[in-house]
Amino acid sequence: MSNTPTTDQAADPTALLPDLPDPSGGDGYDWMELVEEAADGWRVVSGLRDGRLLGEWPYIIVTVYRDKEQGLYGVGTYTEGDIEVKGFTDRAEYLAALLSHVVDD
């Protein structure tokens, strides 16, 4: 995917994010390996620095993308084989989206 924004992409930062791997052919643990092997900026995260957990492995997995230089952020979720990706140019919106995946005790 090109990182040179078109008019449509500038309006939708999700279009600027690298694609997450296809989840078919395995379970959540297999998909986490694919994300890490791709090394394209996406990272699987299990929790926050304060100890709160994100997702419910291996059924719900949260990934993040951060390019501070370009001001581009993303939150990706794997939910039992379905992938959802949201892109942001506002760091506060990105953090709010990430916090929406905190697991309640």
PDB file of N, CA and C in Angstrom:
ATOM      1  N   MET A   1       0.853  -1.175   0.000  1.00  0.00           N
ATOM      2  CA  MET A   1       0.000   0.000   0.000  1.00  0.00           C
ATOM      3  C   MET A   1       0.894   1.230   0.000  1.00  0.00           C
ATOM      4  N   SER A   2       0.591   2.196  -0.818  1.00  0.00           N
ATOM      5  CA  SER A   2       1.359   3.426  -0.898  1.00  0.00           C
ATOM      6  C   SER A   2       1.048   4.331   0.278  1.00  0.00           C
ATOM      7  N   ASN A   3       2.062   5.011   0.792  1.00  0.00           N
ATOM      8  CA  ASN A   3       1.848   5.963   1.877  1.00  0.00           C
ATOM      9  C   ASN A   3       1.715   7.381   1.368  1.00  0.00           C
ATOM     10  N   THR A   4       1.571   7.555   0.049  1.00  0.00           N
ATOM     11  CA  THR A   4       1.302   8.871  -0.506  1.00  0.00           C
ATOM     12  C   THR A   4      -0.201   9.050  -0.541  1.00  0.00           C
ATOM     13  N   PRO A   5      -0.739   9.955   0.293  1.00  0.00           N
ATOM     14  CA  PRO A   5      -2.190  10.059   0.406  1.00  0.00           C
ATOM     15  C   PRO A   5      -2.849  10.656  -0.819  1.00  0.00           C
ATOM     16  N   THR A   6      -3.965  10.063  -1.203  1.00  0.00           N
ATOM     17  CA  THR A   6      -4.839  10.659  -2.198  1.00  0.00           C
ATOM     18  C   THR A   6      -5.843  11.509  -1.438  1.00  0.00           C
ATOM     19  N   THR A   7      -6.708  12.203  -2.138  1.00  0.00           N
ATOM     20  CA  THR A   7      -7.722  13.015  -1.475  1.00  0.00           C
ATOM     21  C   THR A   7      -8.598  12.172  -0.574  1.00  0.00           C
ATOM     22  N   ASP A   8      -9.022  10.990  -1.056  1.00  0.00           N
ATOM     23  CA  ASP A   8      -9.864  10.104  -0.253  1.00  0.00           C
ATOM     24  C   ASP A   8      -9.124   9.594   0.973  1.00  0.00           C
ATOM     25  N   GLN A   9      -7.843   9.259   0.813  1.00  0.00           N
ATOM     26  CA  GLN A   9      -7.069   8.735   1.927  1.00  0.00           C
ATOM     27  C   GLN A   9      -6.848   9.798   2.998  1.00  0.00           C
ATOM     28  N   ALA A  10      -6.637  11.033   2.589  1.00  0.00           N
ATOM     29  CA  ALA A  10      -6.423  12.096   3.563  1.00  0.00           C
ATOM     30  C   ALA A  10      -7.651  12.264   4.441  1.00  0.00           C
ATOM     31  N   ALA A  11      -8.826  12.021   3.880  1.00  0.00           N
ATOM     32  CA  ALA A  11     -10.066  12.125   4.649  1.00  0.00           C
ATOM     33  C   ALA A  11     -10.254  10.902   5.541  1.00  0.00           C
ATOM     34  N   ASP A  12      -9.622   9.782   5.198  1.00  0.00           N
ATOM     35  CA  ASP A  12      -9.755   8.540   5.957  1.00  0.00           C
ATOM     36  C   ASP A  12      -8.371   7.972   6.246  1.00  0.00           C
ATOM     37  N   PRO A  13      -7.820   8.252   7.433  1.00  0.00           N
ATOM     38  CA  PRO A  13      -6.475   7.772   7.737  1.00  0.00           C
ATOM     39  C   PRO A  13      -6.356   6.250   7.742  1.00  0.00           C
ATOM     40  N   THR A  14      -7.464   5.527   7.863  1.00  0.00           N
ATOM     41  CA  THR A  14      -7.418   4.066   7.829  1.00  0.00           C
ATOM     42  C   THR A  14      -6.824   3.589   6.506  1.00  0.00           C
ATOM     43  N   ALA A  15      -7.079   4.313   5.428  1.00  0.00           N
ATOM     44  CA  ALA A  15      -6.585   3.924   4.111  1.00  0.00           C
ATOM     45  C   ALA A  15      -5.055   4.007   4.015  1.00  0.00           C
ATOM     46  N   LEU A  16      -4.427   4.759   4.908  1.00  0.00           N
ATOM     47  CA  LEU A  16      -2.972   4.904   4.889  1.00  0.00           C
ATOM     48  C   LEU A  16      -2.249   3.806   5.665  1.00  0.00           C
ATOM     49  N   LEU A  17      -2.971   3.048   6.459  1.00  0.00           N
ATOM     50  CA  LEU A  17      -2.359   2.021   7.295  1.00  0.00           C
ATOM     51  C   LEU A  17      -1.987   0.785   6.475  1.00  0.00           C
ATOM     52  N   PRO A  18      -0.885   0.121   6.847  1.00  0.00           N
ATOM     53  CA  PRO A  18      -0.577  -1.153   6.193  1.00  0.00           C
ATOM     54  C   PRO A  18      -1.680  -2.163   6.510  1.00  0.00           C
ATOM     55  N   ASP A  19      -1.891  -3.095   5.600  1.00  0.00           N
ATOM     56  CA  ASP A  19      -2.895  -4.133   5.826  1.00  0.00           C
ATOM     57  C   ASP A  19      -2.436  -5.078   6.928  1.00  0.00           C
ATOM     58  N   LEU A  20      -3.370  -5.530   7.735  1.00  0.00           N
ATOM     59  CA  LEU A  20      -3.096  -6.594   8.689  1.00  0.00           C
ATOM     60  C   LEU A  20      -3.177  -7.926   7.955  1.00  0.00           C
ATOM     61  N   PRO A  21      -2.457  -8.946   8.430  1.00  0.00           N
ATOM     62  CA  PRO A  21      -2.480 -10.250   7.752  1.00  0.00           C
ATOM     63  C   PRO A  21      -3.870 -10.878   7.725  1.00  0.00           C
ATOM     64  N   ASP A  22      -4.078 -11.709   6.724  1.00  0.00           N
ATOM     65  CA  ASP A  22      -5.317 -12.474   6.587  1.00  0.00           C
ATOM     66  C   ASP A  22      -5.380 -13.497   7.718  1.00  0.00           C
ATOM     67  N   PRO A  23      -6.485 -13.521   8.466  1.00  0.00           N
ATOM     68  CA  PRO A  23      -6.573 -14.437   9.606  1.00  0.00           C
ATOM     69  C   PRO A  23      -6.988 -15.858   9.258  1.00  0.00           C
ATOM     70  N   SER A  24      -7.274 -16.137   7.998  1.00  0.00           N
ATOM     71  CA  SER A  24      -7.756 -17.479   7.651  1.00  0.00           C
ATOM     72  C   SER A  24      -6.641 -18.502   7.793  1.00  0.00           C
ATOM     73  N   GLY A  25      -7.031 -19.712   8.120  1.00  0.00           N
ATOM     74  CA  GLY A  25      -6.073 -20.797   8.190  1.00  0.00           C
ATOM     75  C   GLY A  25      -5.473 -21.046   9.551  1.00  0.00           C
ATOM     76  N   GLY A  26      -6.021 -20.449  10.588  1.00  0.00           N
ATOM     77  CA  GLY A  26      -5.478 -20.692  11.913  1.00  0.00           C
ATOM     78  C   GLY A  26      -6.327 -20.048  12.977  1.00  0.00           C
ATOM     79  N   ASP A  27      -5.792 -20.030  14.191  1.00  0.00           N
ATOM     80  CA  ASP A  27      -6.515 -19.404  15.297  1.00  0.00           C
ATOM     81  C   ASP A  27      -5.861 -18.074  15.647  1.00  0.00           C
ATOM     82  N   GLY A  28      -6.286 -17.494  16.751  1.00  0.00           N
ATOM     83  CA  GLY A  28      -5.763 -16.196  17.159  1.00  0.00           C
ATOM     84  C   GLY A  28      -4.272 -16.198  17.416  1.00  0.00           C
ATOM     85  N   TYR A  29      -3.764 -17.276  17.999  1.00  0.00           N
ATOM     86  CA  TYR A  29      -2.332 -17.363  18.251  1.00  0.00           C
ATOM     87  C   TYR A  29      -1.541 -17.386  16.939  1.00  0.00           C
ATOM     88  N   ASP A  30      -2.060 -18.119  15.948  1.00  0.00           N
ATOM     89  CA  ASP A  30      -1.410 -18.144  14.635  1.00  0.00           C
ATOM     90  C   ASP A  30      -1.401 -16.747  14.019  1.00  0.00           C
ATOM     91  N   TRP A  31      -2.517 -16.032  14.167  1.00  0.00           N
ATOM     92  CA  TRP A  31      -2.619 -14.698  13.587  1.00  0.00           C
ATOM     93  C   TRP A  31      -1.639 -13.736  14.268  1.00  0.00           C
ATOM     94  N   MET A  32      -1.481 -13.854  15.588  1.00  0.00           N
ATOM     95  CA  MET A  32      -0.519 -12.996  16.287  1.00  0.00           C
ATOM     96  C   MET A  32       0.888 -13.203  15.737  1.00  0.00           C
ATOM     97  N   GLU A  33       1.244 -14.436  15.433  1.00  0.00           N
ATOM     98  CA  GLU A  33       2.553 -14.711  14.835  1.00  0.00           C
ATOM     99  C   GLU A  33       2.686 -14.031  13.481  1.00  0.00           C
ATOM    100  N   LEU A  34       1.625 -14.089  12.679  1.00  0.00           N
ATOM    101  CA  LEU A  34       1.661 -13.443  11.362  1.00  0.00           C
ATOM    102  C   LEU A  34       1.868 -11.938  11.487  1.00  0.00           C
ATOM    103  N   VAL A  35       1.208 -11.324  12.465  1.00  0.00           N
ATOM    104  CA  VAL A  35       1.360  -9.876  12.678  1.00  0.00           C
ATOM    105  C   VAL A  35       2.808  -9.554  13.018  1.00  0.00           C
ATOM    106  N   GLU A  36       3.376 -10.289  13.952  1.00  0.00           N
ATOM    107  CA  GLU A  36       4.753 -10.035  14.370  1.00  0.00           C
ATOM    108  C   GLU A  36       5.742 -10.316  13.245  1.00  0.00           C
ATOM    109  N   GLU A  37       5.517 -11.357  12.451  1.00  0.00           N
ATOM    110  CA  GLU A  37       6.414 -11.697  11.346  1.00  0.00           C
ATOM    111  C   GLU A  37       6.356 -10.666  10.227  1.00  0.00           C
ATOM    112  N   ALA A  38       5.210 -10.028  10.040  1.00  0.00           N
ATOM    113  CA  ALA A  38       5.054  -9.056   8.950  1.00  0.00           C
ATOM    114  C   ALA A  38       5.968  -7.846   9.147  1.00  0.00           C
ATOM    115  N   ALA A  39       6.235  -7.477  10.387  1.00  0.00           N
ATOM    116  CA  ALA A  39       7.147  -6.368  10.715  1.00  0.00           C
ATOM    117  C   ALA A  39       6.869  -5.119   9.880  1.00  0.00           C
ATOM    118  N   ASP A  40       5.608  -4.774   9.741  1.00  0.00           N
ATOM    119  CA  ASP A  40       5.243  -3.599   8.943  1.00  0.00           C
ATOM    120  C   ASP A  40       4.701  -2.453   9.803  1.00  0.00           C
ATOM    121  N   GLY A  41       5.004  -2.503  11.086  1.00  0.00           N
ATOM    122  CA  GLY A  41       4.579  -1.421  11.973  1.00  0.00           C
ATOM    123  C   GLY A  41       3.481  -1.802  12.949  1.00  0.00           C
ATOM    124  N   TRP A  42       2.724  -2.847  12.651  1.00  0.00           N
ATOM    125  CA  TRP A  42       1.687  -3.308  13.566  1.00  0.00           C
ATOM    126  C   TRP A  42       2.324  -4.108  14.693  1.00  0.00           C
ATOM    127  N   ARG A  43       1.800  -3.951  15.897  1.00  0.00           N
ATOM    128  CA  ARG A  43       2.274  -4.683  17.064  1.00  0.00           C
ATOM    129  C   ARG A  43       1.095  -5.239  17.826  1.00  0.00           C
ATOM    130  N   VAL A  44       1.198  -6.471  18.262  1.00  0.00           N
ATOM    131  CA  VAL A  44       0.188  -7.072  19.134  1.00  0.00           C
ATOM    132  C   VAL A  44       0.453  -6.562  20.543  1.00  0.00           C
ATOM    133  N   VAL A  45      -0.605  -6.102  21.227  1.00  0.00           N
ATOM    134  CA  VAL A  45      -0.452  -5.625  22.605  1.00  0.00           C
ATOM    135  C   VAL A  45      -1.384  -6.404  23.519  1.00  0.00           C
ATOM    136  N   SER A  46      -0.842  -6.805  24.652  1.00  0.00           N
ATOM    137  CA  SER A  46      -1.640  -7.582  25.603  1.00  0.00           C
ATOM    138  C   SER A  46      -2.237  -6.711  26.693  1.00  0.00           C
ATOM    139  N   GLY A  47      -1.626  -5.553  26.927  1.00  0.00           N
ATOM    140  CA  GLY A  47      -2.127  -4.701  27.996  1.00  0.00           C
ATOM    141  C   GLY A  47      -1.450  -3.344  27.999  1.00  0.00           C
ATOM    142  N   LEU A  48      -1.846  -2.552  28.964  1.00  0.00           N
ATOM    143  CA  LEU A  48      -1.323  -1.202  29.119  1.00  0.00           C
ATOM    144  C   LEU A  48      -0.256  -1.177  30.206  1.00  0.00           C
ATOM    145  N   ARG A  49       0.509  -0.111  30.260  1.00  0.00           N
ATOM    146  CA  ARG A  49       1.574   0.013  31.264  1.00  0.00           C
ATOM    147  C   ARG A  49       1.045  -0.078  32.691  1.00  0.00           C
ATOM    148  N   ASP A  50      -0.202   0.327  32.883  1.00  0.00           N
ATOM    149  CA  ASP A  50      -0.770   0.305  34.242  1.00  0.00           C
ATOM    150  C   ASP A  50      -1.305  -1.076  34.641  1.00  0.00           C
ATOM    151  N   GLY A  51      -1.115  -2.062  33.762  1.00  0.00           N
ATOM    152  CA  GLY A  51      -1.498  -3.431  34.091  1.00  0.00           C
ATOM    153  C   GLY A  51      -2.857  -3.867  33.568  1.00  0.00           C
ATOM    154  N   ARG A  52      -3.655  -2.926  33.045  1.00  0.00           N
ATOM    155  CA  ARG A  52      -4.955  -3.330  32.499  1.00  0.00           C
ATOM    156  C   ARG A  52      -4.754  -4.123  31.212  1.00  0.00           C
ATOM    157  N   LEU A  53      -5.563  -5.170  31.055  1.00  0.00           N
ATOM    158  CA  LEU A  53      -5.457  -6.056  29.899  1.00  0.00           C
ATOM    159  C   LEU A  53      -6.298  -5.557  28.730  1.00  0.00           C
ATOM    160  N   LEU A  54      -5.847  -5.895  27.527  1.00  0.00           N
ATOM    161  CA  LEU A  54      -6.571  -5.574  26.296  1.00  0.00           C
ATOM    162  C   LEU A  54      -6.963  -6.872  25.614  1.00  0.00           C
ATOM    163  N   GLY A  55      -8.214  -6.978  25.205  1.00  0.00           N
ATOM    164  CA  GLY A  55      -8.675  -8.152  24.493  1.00  0.00           C
ATOM    165  C   GLY A  55      -8.813  -9.365  25.397  1.00  0.00           C
ATOM    166  N   GLU A  56      -9.080 -10.494  24.767  1.00  0.00           N
ATOM    167  CA  GLU A  56      -9.217 -11.769  25.475  1.00  0.00           C
ATOM    168  C   GLU A  56      -8.632 -12.848  24.594  1.00  0.00           C
ATOM    169  N   TRP A  57      -7.304 -12.977  24.670  1.00  0.00           N
ATOM    170  CA  TRP A  57      -6.593 -13.930  23.823  1.00  0.00           C
ATOM    171  C   TRP A  57      -7.117 -15.337  24.035  1.00  0.00           C
ATOM    172  N   PRO A  58      -7.247 -16.154  23.039  1.00  0.00           N
ATOM    173  CA  PRO A  58      -6.949 -15.941  21.627  1.00  0.00           C
ATOM    174  C   PRO A  58      -8.165 -15.507  20.817  1.00  0.00           C
ATOM    175  N   TYR A  59      -9.245 -15.137  21.485  1.00  0.00           N
ATOM    176  CA  TYR A  59     -10.488 -14.801  20.774  1.00  0.00           C
ATOM    177  C   TYR A  59     -10.538 -13.346  20.321  1.00  0.00           C
ATOM    178  N   ILE A  60     -10.046 -12.439  21.162  1.00  0.00           N
ATOM    179  CA  ILE A  60     -10.016 -11.012  20.828  1.00  0.00           C
ATOM    180  C   ILE A  60      -8.587 -10.530  21.039  1.00  0.00           C
ATOM    181  N   ILE A  61      -7.974 -10.044  19.955  1.00  0.00           N
ATOM    182  CA  ILE A  61      -6.579  -9.608  19.988  1.00  0.00           C
ATOM    183  C   ILE A  61      -6.520  -8.171  19.497  1.00  0.00           C
ATOM    184  N   VAL A  62      -5.794  -7.348  20.226  1.00  0.00           N
ATOM    185  CA  VAL A  62      -5.676  -5.935  19.884  1.00  0.00           C
ATOM    186  C   VAL A  62      -4.274  -5.678  19.332  1.00  0.00           C
ATOM    187  N   THR A  63      -4.214  -4.937  18.233  1.00  0.00           N
ATOM    188  CA  THR A  63      -2.948  -4.536  17.634  1.00  0.00           C
ATOM    189  C   THR A  63      -2.922  -3.018  17.519  1.00  0.00           C
ATOM    190  N   VAL A  64      -1.720  -2.460  17.513  1.00  0.00           N
ATOM    191  CA  VAL A  64      -1.577  -1.014  17.368  1.00  0.00           C
ATOM    192  C   VAL A  64      -0.548  -0.698  16.294  1.00  0.00           C
ATOM    193  N   TYR A  65      -0.742   0.460  15.684  1.00  0.00           N
ATOM    194  CA  TYR A  65       0.189   0.999  14.704  1.00  0.00           C
ATOM    195  C   TYR A  65       0.451   2.445  15.106  1.00  0.00           C
ATOM    196  N   ARG A  66       1.736   2.805  15.189  1.00  0.00           N
ATOM    197  CA  ARG A  66       2.084   4.185  15.555  1.00  0.00           C
ATOM    198  C   ARG A  66       3.211   4.678  14.673  1.00  0.00           C
ATOM    199  N   ASP A  67       2.950   5.740  13.937  1.00  0.00           N
ATOM    200  CA  ASP A  67       3.984   6.422  13.162  1.00  0.00           C
ATOM    201  C   ASP A  67       3.921   7.881  13.579  1.00  0.00           C
ATOM    202  N   LYS A  68       4.663   8.204  14.635  1.00  0.00           N
ATOM    203  CA  LYS A  68       4.608   9.556  15.194  1.00  0.00           C
ATOM    204  C   LYS A  68       5.120  10.600  14.205  1.00  0.00           C
ATOM    205  N   GLU A  69       6.072  10.208  13.360  1.00  0.00           N
ATOM    206  CA  GLU A  69       6.635  11.131  12.378  1.00  0.00           C
ATOM    207  C   GLU A  69       5.563  11.612  11.396  1.00  0.00           C
ATOM    208  N   GLN A  70       4.708  10.683  10.939  1.00  0.00           N
ATOM    209  CA  GLN A  70       3.627  11.040  10.016  1.00  0.00           C
ATOM    210  C   GLN A  70       2.348  11.431  10.749  1.00  0.00           C
ATOM    211  N   GLY A  71       2.317  11.232  12.063  1.00  0.00           N
ATOM    212  CA  GLY A  71       1.095  11.524  12.819  1.00  0.00           C
ATOM    213  C   GLY A  71      -0.026  10.567  12.458  1.00  0.00           C
ATOM    214  N   LEU A  72       0.323   9.284  12.262  1.00  0.00           N
ATOM    215  CA  LEU A  72      -0.647   8.272  11.861  1.00  0.00           C
ATOM    216  C   LEU A  72      -0.669   7.159  12.894  1.00  0.00           C
ATOM    217  N   TYR A  73      -1.865   6.828  13.358  1.00  0.00           N
ATOM    218  CA  TYR A  73      -2.051   5.818  14.396  1.00  0.00           C
ATOM    219  C   TYR A  73      -3.166   4.867  13.962  1.00  0.00           C
ATOM    220  N   GLY A  74      -3.102   3.640  14.462  1.00  0.00           N
ATOM    221  CA  GLY A  74      -4.146   2.690  14.140  1.00  0.00           C
ATOM    222  C   GLY A  74      -4.384   1.707  15.269  1.00  0.00           C
ATOM    223  N   VAL A  75      -5.612   1.243  15.353  1.00  0.00           N
ATOM    224  CA  VAL A  75      -5.994   0.177  16.271  1.00  0.00           C
ATOM    225  C   VAL A  75      -6.664  -0.893  15.427  1.00  0.00           C
ATOM    226  N   GLY A  76      -6.144  -2.096  15.522  1.00  0.00           N
ATOM    227  CA  GLY A  76      -6.724  -3.218  14.806  1.00  0.00           C
ATOM    228  C   GLY A  76      -7.168  -4.273  15.795  1.00  0.00           C
ATOM    229  N   THR A  77      -8.292  -4.900  15.510  1.00  0.00           N
ATOM    230  CA  THR A  77      -8.754  -5.978  16.382  1.00  0.00           C
ATOM    231  C   THR A  77      -9.077  -7.213  15.559  1.00  0.00           C
ATOM    232  N   TYR A  78      -8.740  -8.338  16.143  1.00  0.00           N
ATOM    233  CA  TYR A  78      -9.084  -9.653  15.633  1.00  0.00           C
ATOM    234  C   TYR A  78     -10.127 -10.176  16.602  1.00  0.00           C
ATOM    235  N   THR A  79     -11.304 -10.489  16.106  1.00  0.00           N
ATOM    236  CA  THR A  79     -12.357 -11.050  16.950  1.00  0.00           C
ATOM    237  C   THR A  79     -12.844 -12.335  16.306  1.00  0.00           C
ATOM    238  N   GLU A  80     -12.348 -13.448  16.836  1.00  0.00           N
ATOM    239  CA  GLU A  80     -12.704 -14.779  16.333  1.00  0.00           C
ATOM    240  C   GLU A  80     -12.631 -14.863  14.811  1.00  0.00           C
ATOM    241  N   GLY A  81     -11.546 -14.342  14.242  1.00  0.00           N
ATOM    242  CA  GLY A  81     -11.308 -14.441  12.805  1.00  0.00           C
ATOM    243  C   GLY A  81     -11.716 -13.233  11.989  1.00  0.00           C
ATOM    244  N   ASP A  82     -12.445 -12.299  12.581  1.00  0.00           N
ATOM    245  CA  ASP A  82     -12.828 -11.075  11.875  1.00  0.00           C
ATOM    246  C   ASP A  82     -11.860  -9.951  12.250  1.00  0.00           C
ATOM    247  N   ILE A  83     -11.469  -9.170  11.259  1.00  0.00           N
ATOM    248  CA  ILE A  83     -10.520  -8.083  11.466  1.00  0.00           C
ATOM    249  C   ILE A  83     -11.239  -6.748  11.305  1.00  0.00           C
ATOM    250  N   GLU A  84     -10.956  -5.825  12.224  1.00  0.00           N
ATOM    251  CA  GLU A  84     -11.458  -4.450  12.117  1.00  0.00           C
ATOM    252  C   GLU A  84     -10.270  -3.527  12.338  1.00  0.00           C
ATOM    253  N   VAL A  85     -10.156  -2.504  11.498  1.00  0.00           N
ATOM    254  CA  VAL A  85      -9.051  -1.550  11.582  1.00  0.00           C
ATOM    255  C   VAL A  85      -9.609  -0.143  11.571  1.00  0.00           C
ATOM    256  N   LYS A  86      -9.080   0.686  12.471  1.00  0.00           N
ATOM    257  CA  LYS A  86      -9.448   2.101  12.504  1.00  0.00           C
ATOM    258  C   LYS A  86      -8.173   2.924  12.533  1.00  0.00           C
ATOM    259  N   GLY A  87      -8.105   3.921  11.662  1.00  0.00           N
ATOM    260  CA  GLY A  87      -6.948   4.807  11.603  1.00  0.00           C
ATOM    261  C   GLY A  87      -7.260   6.169  12.178  1.00  0.00           C
ATOM    262  N   PHE A  88      -6.217   6.815  12.685  1.00  0.00           N
ATOM    263  CA  PHE A  88      -6.377   8.116  13.338  1.00  0.00           C
ATOM    264  C   PHE A  88      -5.189   9.016  13.020  1.00  0.00           C
ATOM    265  N   THR A  89      -5.461  10.303  12.934  1.00  0.00           N
ATOM    266  CA  THR A  89      -4.389  11.284  12.868  1.00  0.00           C
ATOM    267  C   THR A  89      -4.330  12.067  14.176  1.00  0.00           C
ATOM    268  N   ASP A  90      -5.316  11.885  15.004  1.00  0.00           N
ATOM    269  CA  ASP A  90      -5.359  12.531  16.314  1.00  0.00           C
ATOM    270  C   ASP A  90      -4.981  11.501  17.384  1.00  0.00           C
ATOM    271  N   ARG A  91      -3.908  11.775  18.119  1.00  0.00           N
ATOM    272  CA  ARG A  91      -3.423  10.814  19.119  1.00  0.00           C
ATOM    273  C   ARG A  91      -4.456  10.571  20.219  1.00  0.00           C
ATOM    274  N   ALA A  92      -5.185  11.590  20.625  1.00  0.00           N
ATOM    275  CA  ALA A  92      -6.197  11.428  21.675  1.00  0.00           C
ATOM    276  C   ALA A  92      -7.305  10.481  21.217  1.00  0.00           C
ATOM    277  N   GLU A  93      -7.724  10.586  19.961  1.00  0.00           N
ATOM    278  CA  GLU A  93      -8.746   9.676  19.432  1.00  0.00           C
ATOM    279  C   GLU A  93      -8.209   8.248  19.374  1.00  0.00           C
ATOM    280  N   TYR A  94      -6.951   8.113  18.989  1.00  0.00           N
ATOM    281  CA  TYR A  94      -6.306   6.796  18.953  1.00  0.00           C
ATOM    282  C   TYR A  94      -6.298   6.171  20.346  1.00  0.00           C
ATOM    283  N   LEU A  95      -5.889   6.945  21.341  1.00  0.00           N
ATOM    284  CA  LEU A  95      -5.844   6.424  22.711  1.00  0.00           C
ATOM    285  C   LEU A  95      -7.228   6.055  23.224  1.00  0.00           C
ATOM    286  N   ALA A  96      -8.227   6.861  22.890  1.00  0.00           N
ATOM    287  CA  ALA A  96      -9.611   6.549  23.301  1.00  0.00           C
ATOM    288  C   ALA A  96     -10.058   5.225  22.671  1.00  0.00           C
ATOM    289  N   ALA A  97      -9.713   5.014  21.400  1.00  0.00           N
ATOM    290  CA  ALA A  97     -10.072   3.763  20.717  1.00  0.00           C
ATOM    291  C   ALA A  97      -9.352   2.582  21.371  1.00  0.00           C
ATOM    292  N   LEU A  98      -8.107   2.771  21.721  1.00  0.00           N
ATOM    293  CA  LEU A  98      -7.347   1.710  22.373  1.00  0.00           C
ATOM    294  C   LEU A  98      -7.956   1.375  23.738  1.00  0.00           C
ATOM    295  N   LEU A  99      -8.296   2.396  24.500  1.00  0.00           N
ATOM    296  CA  LEU A  99      -8.868   2.184  25.831  1.00  0.00           C
ATOM    297  C   LEU A  99     -10.235   1.508  25.776  1.00  0.00           C
ATOM    298  N   SER A 100     -10.905   1.596  24.644  1.00  0.00           N
ATOM    299  CA  SER A 100     -12.222   0.938  24.540  1.00  0.00           C
ATOM    300  C   SER A 100     -12.083  -0.587  24.551  1.00  0.00           C
ATOM    301  N   HIS A 101     -10.869  -1.090  24.433  1.00  0.00           N
ATOM    302  CA  HIS A 101     -10.634  -2.530  24.431  1.00  0.00           C
ATOM    303  C   HIS A 101     -10.103  -3.057  25.765  1.00  0.00           C
ATOM    304  N   VAL A 102     -10.079  -2.195  26.783  1.00  0.00           N
ATOM    305  CA  VAL A 102      -9.635  -2.640  28.107  1.00  0.00           C
ATOM    306  C   VAL A 102     -10.648  -3.641  28.656  1.00  0.00           C
ATOM    307  N   VAL A 103     -10.121  -4.735  29.199  1.00  0.00           N
ATOM    308  CA  VAL A 103     -10.970  -5.775  29.765  1.00  0.00           C
ATOM    309  C   VAL A 103     -11.355  -5.363  31.177  1.00  0.00           C
ATOM    310  N   ASP A 104     -12.656  -5.356  31.433  1.00  0.00           N
ATOM    311  CA  ASP A 104     -13.142  -5.067  32.790  1.00  0.00           C
ATOM    312  C   ASP A 104     -12.967  -6.294  33.657  1.00  0.00           C
ATOM    313  N   ASP A 105     -12.538  -6.068  34.873  1.00  0.00           N
ATOM    314  CA  ASP A 105     -12.381  -7.191  35.816  1.00  0.00           C
ATOM    315  C   ASP A 105     -13.707  -7.712  36.289  1.00  0.00           C
TER     316      ASP A 105
END
